[in-house]
Amino acid sequence: MIKKLNTEAISQICANQIIPDISAVVKELLENSLDAGASSIEIVFHESGKDKIEVKDNGSGIKHENFSILAQKGATSKLQSFEEIDNVASYGFRGEALFALNQMSDLTIMTKTKEDENG
């Protein structure tokens, strides 16, 4: 019998295709830091990455106005339409990595822009 999976299960399966292992997590987070203009990036693994992976950088941060859509499927600042895909000059652009990490883990994002007093 064929049955349709629920939305949560579908999201988790898709997330596992985007983030299959710890190296993919690090790659995606590192690319986010580079796209944010970071010149200094520190990556800390807790229990070899099983408990926690911490990425600290000096990039531009995420503006408060973007918090409500952050880590949602398809949320990206790099594209406004599919036609722009050939002109992307950044590492991450699909709006899938943070969404996938959010589906698979207890994702916490702490960010601060130059304009913000606190992160």
N, C-alpha and C. Protein backbone atom coordinates (compact mmCIF):
# COMPACT_ATOMS: atom_id res chain seq x y z
N MET A 1 0.83 -1.17 0.00
CA MET A 1 0.00 0.00 0.00
C MET A 1 0.89 1.25 0.00
N ILE A 2 0.59 2.18 -0.85
CA ILE A 2 1.31 3.44 -0.91
C ILE A 2 0.58 4.46 -0.05
N LYS A 3 1.37 5.10 0.85
CA LYS A 3 0.80 6.14 1.71
C LYS A 3 1.68 7.38 1.63
N LYS A 4 1.07 8.50 1.76
CA LYS A 4 1.81 9.76 1.76
C LYS A 4 2.38 10.02 3.16
N LEU A 5 3.66 10.38 3.21
CA LEU A 5 4.29 10.73 4.47
C LEU A 5 3.78 12.08 4.95
N ASN A 6 3.87 12.29 6.26
CA ASN A 6 3.47 13.59 6.77
C ASN A 6 4.54 14.63 6.45
N THR A 7 4.21 15.88 6.56
CA THR A 7 5.09 16.98 6.18
C THR A 7 6.41 16.96 6.94
N GLU A 8 6.35 16.65 8.23
CA GLU A 8 7.57 16.61 9.04
C GLU A 8 8.52 15.52 8.54
N ALA A 9 8.01 14.34 8.25
CA ALA A 9 8.84 13.25 7.75
C ALA A 9 9.47 13.61 6.40
N ILE A 10 8.69 14.23 5.54
CA ILE A 10 9.20 14.64 4.23
C ILE A 10 10.34 15.64 4.41
N SER A 11 10.17 16.61 5.29
CA SER A 11 11.21 17.61 5.54
C SER A 11 12.48 16.97 6.08
N GLN A 12 12.34 16.00 6.98
CA GLN A 12 13.51 15.35 7.55
C GLN A 12 14.25 14.51 6.51
N ILE A 13 13.52 13.83 5.64
CA ILE A 13 14.16 13.04 4.59
C ILE A 13 14.91 13.97 3.63
N CYS A 14 14.28 15.06 3.23
CA CYS A 14 14.94 16.03 2.35
C CYS A 14 16.17 16.62 3.03
N ALA A 15 16.08 16.91 4.31
CA ALA A 15 17.20 17.47 5.05
C ALA A 15 18.38 16.50 5.05
N ASN A 16 18.11 15.20 5.18
CA ASN A 16 19.18 14.20 5.17
C ASN A 16 19.87 14.12 3.82
N GLN A 17 19.20 14.51 2.76
CA GLN A 17 19.82 14.52 1.44
C GLN A 17 20.75 15.72 1.29
N ILE A 18 20.44 16.82 1.95
CA ILE A 18 21.25 18.04 1.89
C ILE A 18 22.41 17.96 2.86
N ILE A 19 22.15 17.42 4.06
CA ILE A 19 23.15 17.33 5.13
C ILE A 19 23.32 15.86 5.51
N PRO A 20 24.10 15.09 4.74
CA PRO A 20 24.22 13.66 5.03
C PRO A 20 25.17 13.31 6.17
N ASP A 21 26.10 14.22 6.53
CA ASP A 21 27.06 13.89 7.58
C ASP A 21 27.64 15.17 8.18
N ILE A 22 28.51 15.00 9.18
CA ILE A 22 29.08 16.14 9.90
C ILE A 22 29.91 17.03 8.98
N SER A 23 30.62 16.45 8.03
CA SER A 23 31.44 17.28 7.14
C SER A 23 30.56 18.21 6.30
N ALA A 24 29.36 17.77 5.93
CA ALA A 24 28.44 18.62 5.18
C ALA A 24 27.92 19.76 6.05
N VAL A 25 27.71 19.48 7.33
CA VAL A 25 27.29 20.53 8.27
C VAL A 25 28.36 21.62 8.31
N VAL A 26 29.61 21.19 8.52
CA VAL A 26 30.72 22.14 8.61
C VAL A 26 30.86 22.92 7.30
N LYS A 27 30.78 22.25 6.19
CA LYS A 27 30.88 22.89 4.88
C LYS A 27 29.83 23.99 4.73
N GLU A 28 28.58 23.68 5.05
CA GLU A 28 27.50 24.65 4.90
C GLU A 28 27.69 25.84 5.83
N LEU A 29 28.05 25.59 7.08
CA LEU A 29 28.24 26.68 8.03
C LEU A 29 29.46 27.53 7.68
N LEU A 30 30.51 26.90 7.21
CA LEU A 30 31.70 27.62 6.77
C LEU A 30 31.38 28.50 5.57
N GLU A 31 30.63 27.98 4.62
CA GLU A 31 30.23 28.76 3.45
C GLU A 31 29.36 29.96 3.86
N ASN A 32 28.48 29.77 4.84
CA ASN A 32 27.68 30.90 5.33
C ASN A 32 28.58 31.99 5.90
N SER A 33 29.60 31.59 6.65
CA SER A 33 30.54 32.56 7.22
C SER A 33 31.28 33.30 6.11
N LEU A 34 31.77 32.58 5.12
CA LEU A 34 32.49 33.21 4.02
C LEU A 34 31.58 34.15 3.22
N ASP A 35 30.34 33.71 2.99
CA ASP A 35 29.38 34.58 2.29
C ASP A 35 29.09 35.85 3.07
N ALA A 36 29.21 35.79 4.39
CA ALA A 36 28.98 36.96 5.23
C ALA A 36 30.22 37.84 5.35
N GLY A 37 31.27 37.50 4.59
CA GLY A 37 32.47 38.32 4.57
C GLY A 37 33.42 38.09 5.73
N ALA A 38 33.31 36.97 6.41
CA ALA A 38 34.17 36.70 7.56
C ALA A 38 35.63 36.54 7.14
N SER A 39 36.51 37.14 7.93
CA SER A 39 37.95 36.96 7.72
C SER A 39 38.55 36.12 8.84
N SER A 40 37.75 35.84 9.85
CA SER A 40 38.16 35.01 10.97
C SER A 40 37.01 34.05 11.29
N ILE A 41 37.30 32.75 11.27
CA ILE A 41 36.27 31.74 11.53
C ILE A 41 36.85 30.71 12.49
N GLU A 42 36.12 30.46 13.58
CA GLU A 42 36.53 29.45 14.56
C GLU A 42 35.45 28.38 14.60
N ILE A 43 35.87 27.12 14.46
CA ILE A 43 34.93 26.00 14.51
C ILE A 43 35.31 25.11 15.69
N VAL A 44 34.36 24.86 16.57
CA VAL A 44 34.59 24.04 17.77
C VAL A 44 33.64 22.85 17.72
N PHE A 45 34.21 21.66 17.88
CA PHE A 45 33.42 20.42 17.91
C PHE A 45 33.29 19.96 19.36
N HIS A 46 32.07 19.72 19.80
CA HIS A 46 31.82 19.15 21.12
C HIS A 46 31.48 17.68 20.92
N GLU A 47 32.23 16.81 21.58
CA GLU A 47 32.07 15.36 21.41
C GLU A 47 32.17 14.98 19.93
N SER A 48 33.22 15.48 19.30
CA SER A 48 33.50 15.19 17.88
C SER A 48 32.37 15.62 16.95
N GLY A 49 31.59 16.60 17.37
CA GLY A 49 30.50 17.10 16.55
C GLY A 49 29.17 16.43 16.81
N LYS A 50 29.16 15.39 17.64
CA LYS A 50 27.90 14.69 17.93
C LYS A 50 26.98 15.51 18.82
N ASP A 51 27.55 16.23 19.78
CA ASP A 51 26.74 17.04 20.69
C ASP A 51 26.49 18.44 20.14
N LYS A 52 27.54 19.01 19.54
CA LYS A 52 27.41 20.40 19.12
C LYS A 52 28.55 20.77 18.19
N ILE A 53 28.23 21.61 17.22
CA ILE A 53 29.24 22.23 16.36
C ILE A 53 29.01 23.72 16.47
N GLU A 54 30.02 24.42 16.92
CA GLU A 54 29.93 25.86 17.11
C GLU A 54 30.77 26.56 16.06
N VAL A 55 30.19 27.53 15.39
CA VAL A 55 30.93 28.32 14.40
C VAL A 55 30.84 29.78 14.82
N LYS A 56 32.00 30.38 15.05
CA LYS A 56 32.07 31.79 15.42
C LYS A 56 32.85 32.51 14.33
N ASP A 57 32.30 33.63 13.87
CA ASP A 57 33.00 34.38 12.83
C ASP A 57 32.83 35.87 13.02
N ASN A 58 33.55 36.64 12.24
CA ASN A 58 33.43 38.09 12.29
C ASN A 58 32.73 38.62 11.04
N GLY A 59 31.81 37.84 10.51
CA GLY A 59 31.06 38.24 9.32
C GLY A 59 30.05 39.33 9.62
N SER A 60 29.29 39.69 8.62
CA SER A 60 28.38 40.84 8.71
C SER A 60 27.15 40.61 9.58
N GLY A 61 26.84 39.37 9.91
CA GLY A 61 25.68 39.08 10.75
C GLY A 61 24.38 39.09 9.95
N ILE A 62 23.29 38.83 10.64
CA ILE A 62 21.97 38.76 10.01
C ILE A 62 21.12 39.86 10.62
N LYS A 63 20.52 40.66 9.76
CA LYS A 63 19.69 41.78 10.24
C LYS A 63 18.42 41.26 10.90
N HIS A 64 17.98 42.00 11.93
CA HIS A 64 16.80 41.63 12.71
C HIS A 64 15.57 41.42 11.83
N GLU A 65 15.43 42.19 10.79
CA GLU A 65 14.26 42.09 9.89
C GLU A 65 14.17 40.73 9.19
N ASN A 66 15.27 39.97 9.18
CA ASN A 66 15.29 38.66 8.53
C ASN A 66 15.04 37.50 9.48
N PHE A 67 14.94 37.76 10.78
CA PHE A 67 14.79 36.69 11.76
C PHE A 67 13.55 35.84 11.53
N SER A 68 12.45 36.44 11.13
CA SER A 68 11.20 35.69 11.01
C SER A 68 11.22 34.65 9.90
N ILE A 69 12.07 34.81 8.91
CA ILE A 69 12.12 33.86 7.79
C ILE A 69 13.38 32.98 7.83
N LEU A 70 14.29 33.31 8.72
CA LEU A 70 15.55 32.59 8.83
C LEU A 70 15.33 31.10 9.06
N ALA A 71 16.05 30.27 8.35
CA ALA A 71 16.02 28.80 8.46
C ALA A 71 14.71 28.19 7.97
N GLN A 72 13.96 28.92 7.18
CA GLN A 72 12.77 28.34 6.56
C GLN A 72 13.12 27.84 5.16
N LYS A 73 12.41 26.86 4.70
CA LYS A 73 12.67 26.26 3.39
C LYS A 73 12.61 27.32 2.29
N GLY A 74 13.66 27.36 1.48
CA GLY A 74 13.71 28.27 0.35
C GLY A 74 14.03 29.71 0.71
N ALA A 75 14.36 29.99 1.97
CA ALA A 75 14.67 31.36 2.38
C ALA A 75 16.12 31.68 2.03
N THR A 76 16.32 32.64 1.15
CA THR A 76 17.67 33.01 0.73
C THR A 76 17.73 34.50 0.42
N SER A 77 18.88 35.08 0.67
CA SER A 77 19.09 36.49 0.32
C SER A 77 19.80 36.62 -1.02
N LYS A 78 20.17 35.50 -1.62
CA LYS A 78 20.99 35.52 -2.83
C LYS A 78 20.20 35.56 -4.13
N LEU A 79 18.97 35.07 -4.12
CA LEU A 79 18.15 34.99 -5.33
C LEU A 79 16.79 35.60 -5.09
N GLN A 80 16.28 36.25 -6.09
CA GLN A 80 14.89 36.71 -6.07
C GLN A 80 14.03 35.84 -6.98
N SER A 81 14.69 35.20 -7.97
CA SER A 81 13.99 34.32 -8.90
C SER A 81 14.95 33.26 -9.42
N PHE A 82 14.42 32.19 -9.98
CA PHE A 82 15.25 31.11 -10.50
C PHE A 82 16.16 31.59 -11.64
N GLU A 83 15.71 32.56 -12.39
CA GLU A 83 16.47 33.06 -13.53
C GLU A 83 17.82 33.66 -13.12
N GLU A 84 17.93 34.08 -11.89
CA GLU A 84 19.17 34.68 -11.39
C GLU A 84 20.24 33.66 -11.03
N ILE A 85 19.92 32.39 -11.10
CA ILE A 85 20.82 31.34 -10.60
C ILE A 85 22.18 31.32 -11.30
N ASP A 86 22.23 31.69 -12.56
CA ASP A 86 23.50 31.70 -13.29
C ASP A 86 24.42 32.83 -12.86
N ASN A 87 23.90 33.81 -12.16
CA ASN A 87 24.68 34.97 -11.76
C ASN A 87 25.08 34.97 -10.29
N VAL A 88 24.83 33.88 -9.59
CA VAL A 88 25.14 33.82 -8.17
C VAL A 88 26.66 33.80 -7.99
N ALA A 89 27.16 34.68 -7.14
CA ALA A 89 28.59 34.77 -6.88
C ALA A 89 28.89 34.47 -5.42
N SER A 90 28.20 33.51 -4.85
CA SER A 90 28.40 33.15 -3.45
C SER A 90 28.39 31.63 -3.33
N TYR A 91 28.71 31.14 -2.15
CA TYR A 91 28.72 29.70 -1.93
C TYR A 91 27.30 29.18 -1.74
N GLY A 92 26.62 29.66 -0.72
CA GLY A 92 25.27 29.20 -0.44
C GLY A 92 24.25 30.11 -1.09
N PHE A 93 23.21 29.53 -1.65
CA PHE A 93 22.22 30.38 -2.29
C PHE A 93 20.84 29.76 -2.37
N ARG A 94 20.70 28.49 -2.08
CA ARG A 94 19.43 27.81 -2.33
C ARG A 94 18.42 27.96 -1.22
N GLY A 95 18.85 28.40 -0.05
CA GLY A 95 17.93 28.52 1.07
C GLY A 95 17.55 27.16 1.65
N GLU A 96 18.46 26.21 1.58
CA GLU A 96 18.17 24.86 2.07
C GLU A 96 19.02 24.44 3.26
N ALA A 97 20.24 24.94 3.37
CA ALA A 97 21.16 24.44 4.40
C ALA A 97 20.66 24.71 5.82
N LEU A 98 20.33 25.96 6.14
CA LEU A 98 19.87 26.25 7.49
C LEU A 98 18.54 25.57 7.77
N PHE A 99 17.68 25.49 6.76
CA PHE A 99 16.42 24.77 6.92
C PHE A 99 16.70 23.30 7.26
N ALA A 100 17.60 22.68 6.52
CA ALA A 100 17.94 21.28 6.76
C ALA A 100 18.52 21.08 8.15
N LEU A 101 19.44 21.95 8.54
CA LEU A 101 20.03 21.85 9.88
C LEU A 101 18.97 22.03 10.95
N ASN A 102 18.03 22.91 10.71
CA ASN A 102 16.95 23.15 11.66
C ASN A 102 16.05 21.92 11.79
N GLN A 103 15.84 21.20 10.71
CA GLN A 103 15.02 19.99 10.73
C GLN A 103 15.71 18.84 11.45
N MET A 104 17.03 18.79 11.36
CA MET A 104 17.79 17.65 11.86
C MET A 104 18.37 17.84 13.26
N SER A 105 18.36 19.06 13.76
CA SER A 105 19.07 19.32 15.01
C SER A 105 18.37 20.39 15.83
N ASP A 106 18.97 20.69 16.94
CA ASP A 106 18.52 21.79 17.79
C ASP A 106 19.34 23.01 17.39
N LEU A 107 18.98 23.62 16.29
CA LEU A 107 19.75 24.73 15.71
C LEU A 107 19.56 26.00 16.52
N THR A 108 20.66 26.62 16.88
CA THR A 108 20.65 27.91 17.54
C THR A 108 21.53 28.85 16.74
N ILE A 109 21.00 30.01 16.41
CA ILE A 109 21.77 31.01 15.67
C ILE A 109 21.87 32.26 16.53
N MET A 110 23.09 32.66 16.81
CA MET A 110 23.32 33.91 17.52
C MET A 110 24.06 34.81 16.53
N THR A 111 23.56 36.02 16.36
CA THR A 111 24.12 36.89 15.33
C THR A 111 24.11 38.34 15.79
N LYS A 112 24.99 39.13 15.20
CA LYS A 112 25.08 40.54 15.54
C LYS A 112 25.62 41.28 14.32
N THR A 113 24.95 42.34 13.94
CA THR A 113 25.45 43.20 12.87
C THR A 113 26.23 44.37 13.49
N LYS A 114 26.89 45.15 12.67
CA LYS A 114 27.63 46.32 13.18
C LYS A 114 26.71 47.30 13.88
N GLU A 115 25.47 47.38 13.41
CA GLU A 115 24.50 48.33 13.96
C GLU A 115 23.92 47.88 15.30
N ASP A 116 23.98 46.59 15.58
CA ASP A 116 23.39 46.05 16.81
C ASP A 116 24.32 46.28 18.00
N GLU A 117 23.73 46.62 19.16
CA GLU A 117 24.51 46.75 20.38
C GLU A 117 24.88 45.37 20.92
N ASN A 118 23.91 44.45 20.88
CA ASN A 118 24.11 43.10 21.41
C ASN A 118 23.72 42.06 20.36
N GLY A 119 24.27 40.87 20.50
CA GLY A 119 23.91 39.77 19.62
C GLY A 119 22.68 39.05 20.13
